[in-house]
């Protein structure tokens, strides 16, 4: 059995990677226009795959900065 892990992205990481403010991200989450992510120790976290999958379903290709 193989376990694959991915780094978790915080709201602050997404702010820097996607060049949108945390307020816009939270607003999009409230309006079901962005993945909900999950709460971990009181912080909302996301995986790159769930963000890319969400935008891919909308027909938008995104790349994260390295």
PDB file of N, CA and C in Angstrom:
ATOM      1  N   UNK A   1       0.845  -1.176   0.000  1.00  0.00           N
ATOM      2  CA  UNK A   1       0.000   0.000   0.000  1.00  0.00           C
ATOM      3  C   UNK A   1       0.892   1.241   0.000  1.00  0.00           C
ATOM      4  N   UNK A   2       0.549   2.199  -0.827  1.00  0.00           N
ATOM      5  CA  UNK A   2       1.295   3.443  -0.924  1.00  0.00           C
ATOM      6  C   UNK A   2       0.422   4.592  -0.450  1.00  0.00           C
ATOM      7  N   UNK A   3       0.973   5.422   0.383  1.00  0.00           N
ATOM      8  CA  UNK A   3       0.267   6.611   0.859  1.00  0.00           C
ATOM      9  C   UNK A   3       0.935   7.826   0.245  1.00  0.00           C
ATOM     10  N   UNK A   4       0.129   8.626  -0.429  1.00  0.00           N
ATOM     11  CA  UNK A   4       0.642   9.843  -1.054  1.00  0.00           C
ATOM     12  C   UNK A   4       0.154  11.036  -0.247  1.00  0.00           C
ATOM     13  N   UNK A   5       1.060  11.926   0.075  1.00  0.00           N
ATOM     14  CA  UNK A   5       0.687  13.123   0.826  1.00  0.00           C
ATOM     15  C   UNK A   5       0.867  14.359  -0.046  1.00  0.00           C
ATOM     16  N   UNK A   6       0.136  15.387   0.289  1.00  0.00           N
ATOM     17  CA  UNK A   6       0.249  16.671  -0.400  1.00  0.00           C
ATOM     18  C   UNK A   6       0.398  17.754   0.646  1.00  0.00           C
ATOM     19  N   UNK A   7       1.126  18.788   0.315  1.00  0.00           N
ATOM     20  CA  UNK A   7       1.189  19.911   1.255  1.00  0.00           C
ATOM     21  C   UNK A   7      -0.175  20.576   1.351  1.00  0.00           C
ATOM     22  N   UNK A   8      -0.487  21.075   2.523  1.00  0.00           N
ATOM     23  CA  UNK A   8      -1.745  21.778   2.734  1.00  0.00           C
ATOM     24  C   UNK A   8      -1.513  23.276   2.586  1.00  0.00           C
ATOM     25  N   UNK A   9      -2.438  23.937   1.929  1.00  0.00           N
ATOM     26  CA  UNK A   9      -2.348  25.370   1.708  1.00  0.00           C
ATOM     27  C   UNK A   9      -3.313  26.087   2.632  1.00  0.00           C
ATOM     28  N   UNK A  10      -2.849  27.120   3.286  1.00  0.00           N
ATOM     29  CA  UNK A  10      -3.706  27.940   4.134  1.00  0.00           C
ATOM     30  C   UNK A  10      -4.305  29.065   3.290  1.00  0.00           C
ATOM     31  N   UNK A  11      -5.207  29.802   3.882  1.00  0.00           N
ATOM     32  CA  UNK A  11      -5.783  30.969   3.200  1.00  0.00           C
ATOM     33  C   UNK A  11      -4.671  31.938   2.816  1.00  0.00           C
ATOM     34  N   UNK A  12      -3.700  32.120   3.693  1.00  0.00           N
ATOM     35  CA  UNK A  12      -2.581  33.036   3.416  1.00  0.00           C
ATOM     36  C   UNK A  12      -1.774  32.541   2.227  1.00  0.00           C
ATOM     37  N   UNK A  13      -1.560  31.225   2.129  1.00  0.00           N
ATOM     38  CA  UNK A  13      -0.846  30.666   0.982  1.00  0.00           C
ATOM     39  C   UNK A  13      -1.609  30.946  -0.308  1.00  0.00           C
ATOM     40  N   UNK A  14      -2.929  30.749  -0.263  1.00  0.00           N
ATOM     41  CA  UNK A  14      -3.741  30.999  -1.457  1.00  0.00           C
ATOM     42  C   UNK A  14      -3.731  32.469  -1.842  1.00  0.00           C
ATOM     43  N   UNK A  15      -3.718  33.350  -0.849  1.00  0.00           N
ATOM     44  CA  UNK A  15      -3.618  34.792  -1.123  1.00  0.00           C
ATOM     45  C   UNK A  15      -2.387  35.077  -1.979  1.00  0.00           C
ATOM     46  N   UNK A  16      -1.265  34.527  -1.568  1.00  0.00           N
ATOM     47  CA  UNK A  16      -0.002  34.768  -2.270  1.00  0.00           C
ATOM     48  C   UNK A  16       0.053  34.057  -3.614  1.00  0.00           C
ATOM     49  N   UNK A  17      -0.453  32.832  -3.675  1.00  0.00           N
ATOM     50  CA  UNK A  17      -0.379  32.041  -4.902  1.00  0.00           C
ATOM     51  C   UNK A  17      -1.334  32.534  -5.989  1.00  0.00           C
ATOM     52  N   UNK A  18      -2.525  32.958  -5.560  1.00  0.00           N
ATOM     53  CA  UNK A  18      -3.562  33.298  -6.533  1.00  0.00           C
ATOM     54  C   UNK A  18      -3.774  34.804  -6.700  1.00  0.00           C
ATOM     55  N   UNK A  19      -3.067  35.583  -5.903  1.00  0.00           N
ATOM     56  CA  UNK A  19      -3.168  37.047  -5.969  1.00  0.00           C
ATOM     57  C   UNK A  19      -4.595  37.552  -5.759  1.00  0.00           C
ATOM     58  N   UNK A  20      -5.305  36.945  -4.798  1.00  0.00           N
ATOM     59  CA  UNK A  20      -6.601  37.454  -4.376  1.00  0.00           C
ATOM     60  C   UNK A  20      -6.587  37.549  -2.855  1.00  0.00           C
ATOM     61  N   UNK A  21      -7.381  38.446  -2.318  1.00  0.00           N
ATOM     62  CA  UNK A  21      -7.338  38.669  -0.877  1.00  0.00           C
ATOM     63  C   UNK A  21      -8.089  37.563  -0.136  1.00  0.00           C
ATOM     64  N   UNK A  22      -7.765  37.418   1.130  1.00  0.00           N
ATOM     65  CA  UNK A  22      -8.446  36.414   1.962  1.00  0.00           C
ATOM     66  C   UNK A  22      -9.931  36.718   2.072  1.00  0.00           C
ATOM     67  N   UNK A  23     -10.282  37.997   2.041  1.00  0.00           N
ATOM     68  CA  UNK A  23     -11.688  38.382   2.122  1.00  0.00           C
ATOM     69  C   UNK A  23     -12.453  37.889   0.895  1.00  0.00           C
ATOM     70  N   UNK A  24     -11.815  37.978  -0.265  1.00  0.00           N
ATOM     71  CA  UNK A  24     -12.434  37.474  -1.496  1.00  0.00           C
ATOM     72  C   UNK A  24     -12.576  35.958  -1.433  1.00  0.00           C
ATOM     73  N   UNK A  25     -11.573  35.277  -0.911  1.00  0.00           N
ATOM     74  CA  UNK A  25     -11.637  33.820  -0.789  1.00  0.00           C
ATOM     75  C   UNK A  25     -12.788  33.415   0.129  1.00  0.00           C
ATOM     76  N   UNK A  26     -12.882  34.052   1.303  1.00  0.00           N
ATOM     77  CA  UNK A  26     -13.968  33.725   2.232  1.00  0.00           C
ATOM     78  C   UNK A  26     -15.339  34.031   1.624  1.00  0.00           C
ATOM     79  N   UNK A  27     -15.446  35.131   0.885  1.00  0.00           N
ATOM     80  CA  UNK A  27     -16.708  35.490   0.238  1.00  0.00           C
ATOM     81  C   UNK A  27     -17.088  34.429  -0.792  1.00  0.00           C
ATOM     82  N   UNK A  28     -16.107  33.977  -1.575  1.00  0.00           N
ATOM     83  CA  UNK A  28     -16.360  32.931  -2.571  1.00  0.00           C
ATOM     84  C   UNK A  28     -16.775  31.625  -1.900  1.00  0.00           C
ATOM     85  N   UNK A  29     -16.170  31.297  -0.766  1.00  0.00           N
ATOM     86  CA  UNK A  29     -16.554  30.084  -0.038  1.00  0.00           C
ATOM     87  C   UNK A  29     -18.010  30.192   0.415  1.00  0.00           C
ATOM     88  N   UNK A  30     -18.366  31.342   0.988  1.00  0.00           N
ATOM     89  CA  UNK A  30     -19.750  31.553   1.452  1.00  0.00           C
ATOM     90  C   UNK A  30     -20.759  31.431   0.318  1.00  0.00           C
ATOM     91  N   UNK A  31     -20.370  31.882  -0.887  1.00  0.00           N
ATOM     92  CA  UNK A  31     -21.266  31.870  -2.043  1.00  0.00           C
ATOM     93  C   UNK A  31     -21.129  30.591  -2.875  1.00  0.00           C
ATOM     94  N   UNK A  32     -20.466  29.567  -2.317  1.00  0.00           N
ATOM     95  CA  UNK A  32     -20.245  28.288  -3.013  1.00  0.00           C
ATOM     96  C   UNK A  32     -19.551  28.469  -4.358  1.00  0.00           C
ATOM     97  N   UNK A  33     -18.605  29.397  -4.414  1.00  0.00           N
ATOM     98  CA  UNK A  33     -17.841  29.654  -5.632  1.00  0.00           C
ATOM     99  C   UNK A  33     -16.375  29.268  -5.456  1.00  0.00           C
ATOM    100  N   UNK A  34     -16.092  28.516  -4.408  1.00  0.00           N
ATOM    101  CA  UNK A  34     -14.721  28.112  -4.091  1.00  0.00           C
ATOM    102  C   UNK A  34     -14.816  26.880  -3.200  1.00  0.00           C
ATOM    103  N   UNK A  35     -13.859  25.963  -3.284  1.00  0.00           N
ATOM    104  CA  UNK A  35     -13.901  24.785  -2.406  1.00  0.00           C
ATOM    105  C   UNK A  35     -13.897  25.192  -0.932  1.00  0.00           C
ATOM    106  N   UNK A  36     -14.582  24.408  -0.106  1.00  0.00           N
ATOM    107  CA  UNK A  36     -14.650  24.693   1.327  1.00  0.00           C
ATOM    108  C   UNK A  36     -13.356  24.387   2.054  1.00  0.00           C
ATOM    109  N   UNK A  37     -12.566  23.487   1.521  1.00  0.00           N
ATOM    110  CA  UNK A  37     -11.374  23.069   2.253  1.00  0.00           C
ATOM    111  C   UNK A  37     -11.804  22.294   3.486  1.00  0.00           C
ATOM    112  N   UNK A  38     -10.948  22.276   4.487  1.00  0.00           N
ATOM    113  CA  UNK A  38     -11.272  21.623   5.752  1.00  0.00           C
ATOM    114  C   UNK A  38     -10.598  22.365   6.871  1.00  0.00           C
ATOM    115  N   UNK A  39     -11.136  22.225   8.050  1.00  0.00           N
ATOM    116  CA  UNK A  39     -10.564  22.898   9.214  1.00  0.00           C
ATOM    117  C   UNK A  39      -9.545  21.982   9.874  1.00  0.00           C
ATOM    118  N   UNK A  40      -8.392  22.537  10.192  1.00  0.00           N
ATOM    119  CA  UNK A  40      -7.337  21.811  10.873  1.00  0.00           C
ATOM    120  C   UNK A  40      -6.768  22.735  11.938  1.00  0.00           C
ATOM    121  N   UNK A  41      -6.947  22.373  13.181  1.00  0.00           N
ATOM    122  CA  UNK A  41      -6.492  23.203  14.302  1.00  0.00           C
ATOM    123  C   UNK A  41      -7.001  24.641  14.213  1.00  0.00           C
ATOM    124  N   UNK A  42      -8.245  24.789  13.788  1.00  0.00           N
ATOM    125  CA  UNK A  42      -8.855  26.117  13.723  1.00  0.00           C
ATOM    126  C   UNK A  42      -8.517  26.916  12.474  1.00  0.00           C
ATOM    127  N   UNK A  43      -7.759  26.332  11.563  1.00  0.00           N
ATOM    128  CA  UNK A  43      -7.385  27.022  10.327  1.00  0.00           C
ATOM    129  C   UNK A  43      -7.956  26.260   9.141  1.00  0.00           C
ATOM    130  N   UNK A  44      -8.438  26.998   8.152  1.00  0.00           N
ATOM    131  CA  UNK A  44      -8.959  26.363   6.940  1.00  0.00           C
ATOM    132  C   UNK A  44      -7.782  26.047   6.024  1.00  0.00           C
ATOM    133  N   UNK A  45      -7.714  24.809   5.565  1.00  0.00           N
ATOM    134  CA  UNK A  45      -6.623  24.377   4.687  1.00  0.00           C
ATOM    135  C   UNK A  45      -7.194  23.712   3.439  1.00  0.00           C
ATOM    136  N   UNK A  46      -6.403  23.730   2.384  1.00  0.00           N
ATOM    137  CA  UNK A  46      -6.797  23.199   1.083  1.00  0.00           C
ATOM    138  C   UNK A  46      -5.628  22.402   0.512  1.00  0.00           C
ATOM    139  N   UNK A  47      -5.924  21.519  -0.441  1.00  0.00           N
ATOM    140  CA  UNK A  47      -4.867  20.874  -1.208  1.00  0.00           C
ATOM    141  C   UNK A  47      -4.844  21.516  -2.595  1.00  0.00           C
ATOM    142  N   UNK A  48      -3.700  21.478  -3.233  1.00  0.00           N
ATOM    143  CA  UNK A  48      -3.603  22.031  -4.586  1.00  0.00           C
ATOM    144  C   UNK A  48      -4.552  21.301  -5.523  1.00  0.00           C
ATOM    145  N   UNK A  49      -4.655  19.977  -5.333  1.00  0.00           N
ATOM    146  CA  UNK A  49      -5.521  19.185  -6.208  1.00  0.00           C
ATOM    147  C   UNK A  49      -6.978  19.623  -6.126  1.00  0.00           C
ATOM    148  N   UNK A  50      -7.480  19.904  -4.917  1.00  0.00           N
ATOM    149  CA  UNK A  50      -8.889  20.288  -4.818  1.00  0.00           C
ATOM    150  C   UNK A  50      -9.135  21.661  -5.447  1.00  0.00           C
ATOM    151  N   UNK A  51      -8.168  22.564  -5.354  1.00  0.00           N
ATOM    152  CA  UNK A  51      -8.306  23.879  -5.988  1.00  0.00           C
ATOM    153  C   UNK A  51      -8.250  23.724  -7.512  1.00  0.00           C
ATOM    154  N   UNK A  52      -7.255  22.967  -8.000  1.00  0.00           N
ATOM    155  CA  UNK A  52      -7.125  22.782  -9.441  1.00  0.00           C
ATOM    156  C   UNK A  52      -8.321  22.036 -10.015  1.00  0.00           C
ATOM    157  N   UNK A  53      -8.829  21.046  -9.294  1.00  0.00           N
ATOM    158  CA  UNK A  53      -9.990  20.289  -9.752  1.00  0.00           C
ATOM    159  C   UNK A  53     -11.219  21.184  -9.847  1.00  0.00           C
ATOM    160  N   UNK A  54     -11.413  22.037  -8.849  1.00  0.00           N
ATOM    161  CA  UNK A  54     -12.556  22.950  -8.850  1.00  0.00           C
ATOM    162  C   UNK A  54     -12.511  23.856 -10.087  1.00  0.00           C
ATOM    163  N   UNK A  55     -11.365  24.469 -10.338  1.00  0.00           N
ATOM    164  CA  UNK A  55     -11.251  25.379 -11.481  1.00  0.00           C
ATOM    165  C   UNK A  55     -11.282  24.621 -12.801  1.00  0.00           C
ATOM    166  N   UNK A  56     -10.754  23.406 -12.821  1.00  0.00           N
ATOM    167  CA  UNK A  56     -10.805  22.582 -14.025  1.00  0.00           C
ATOM    168  C   UNK A  56     -12.249  22.283 -14.410  1.00  0.00           C
ATOM    169  N   UNK A  57     -13.089  22.013 -13.409  1.00  0.00           N
ATOM    170  CA  UNK A  57     -14.514  21.782 -13.673  1.00  0.00           C
ATOM    171  C   UNK A  57     -15.189  23.011 -14.274  1.00  0.00           C
ATOM    172  N   UNK A  58     -14.640  24.192 -14.015  1.00  0.00           N
ATOM    173  CA  UNK A  58     -15.162  25.437 -14.585  1.00  0.00           C
ATOM    174  C   UNK A  58     -14.539  25.750 -15.946  1.00  0.00           C
ATOM    175  N   UNK A  59     -13.595  24.909 -16.379  1.00  0.00           N
ATOM    176  CA  UNK A  59     -12.917  25.133 -17.654  1.00  0.00           C
ATOM    177  C   UNK A  59     -11.775  26.106 -17.565  1.00  0.00           C
ATOM    178  N   UNK A  60     -11.242  26.299 -16.347  1.00  0.00           N
ATOM    179  CA  UNK A  60     -10.158  27.248 -16.131  1.00  0.00           C
ATOM    180  C   UNK A  60      -8.914  26.475 -15.708  1.00  0.00           C
ATOM    181  N   UNK A  61      -7.806  26.735 -16.355  1.00  0.00           N
ATOM    182  CA  UNK A  61      -6.548  26.096 -16.001  1.00  0.00           C
ATOM    183  C   UNK A  61      -5.740  27.041 -15.123  1.00  0.00           C
ATOM    184  N   UNK A  62      -5.324  26.564 -13.957  1.00  0.00           N
ATOM    185  CA  UNK A  62      -4.500  27.404 -13.074  1.00  0.00           C
ATOM    186  C   UNK A  62      -3.221  26.672 -12.739  1.00  0.00           C
ATOM    187  N   UNK A  63      -2.187  27.442 -12.490  1.00  0.00           N
ATOM    188  CA  UNK A  63      -0.895  26.902 -12.055  1.00  0.00           C
ATOM    189  C   UNK A  63      -0.487  27.635 -10.806  1.00  0.00           C
ATOM    190  N   UNK A  64       0.065  26.892  -9.873  1.00  0.00           N
ATOM    191  CA  UNK A  64       0.565  27.493  -8.657  1.00  0.00           C
ATOM    192  C   UNK A  64       2.041  27.849  -8.827  1.00  0.00           C
ATOM    193  N   UNK A  65       2.449  28.916  -8.173  1.00  0.00           N
ATOM    194  CA  UNK A  65       3.853  29.302  -8.174  1.00  0.00           C
ATOM    195  C   UNK A  65       4.651  28.236  -7.446  1.00  0.00           C
ATOM    196  N   UNK A  66       5.870  28.041  -7.859  1.00  0.00           N
ATOM    197  CA  UNK A  66       6.710  27.029  -7.185  1.00  0.00           C
ATOM    198  C   UNK A  66       7.290  27.549  -5.912  1.00  0.00           C
TER     199      UNK A  66
END
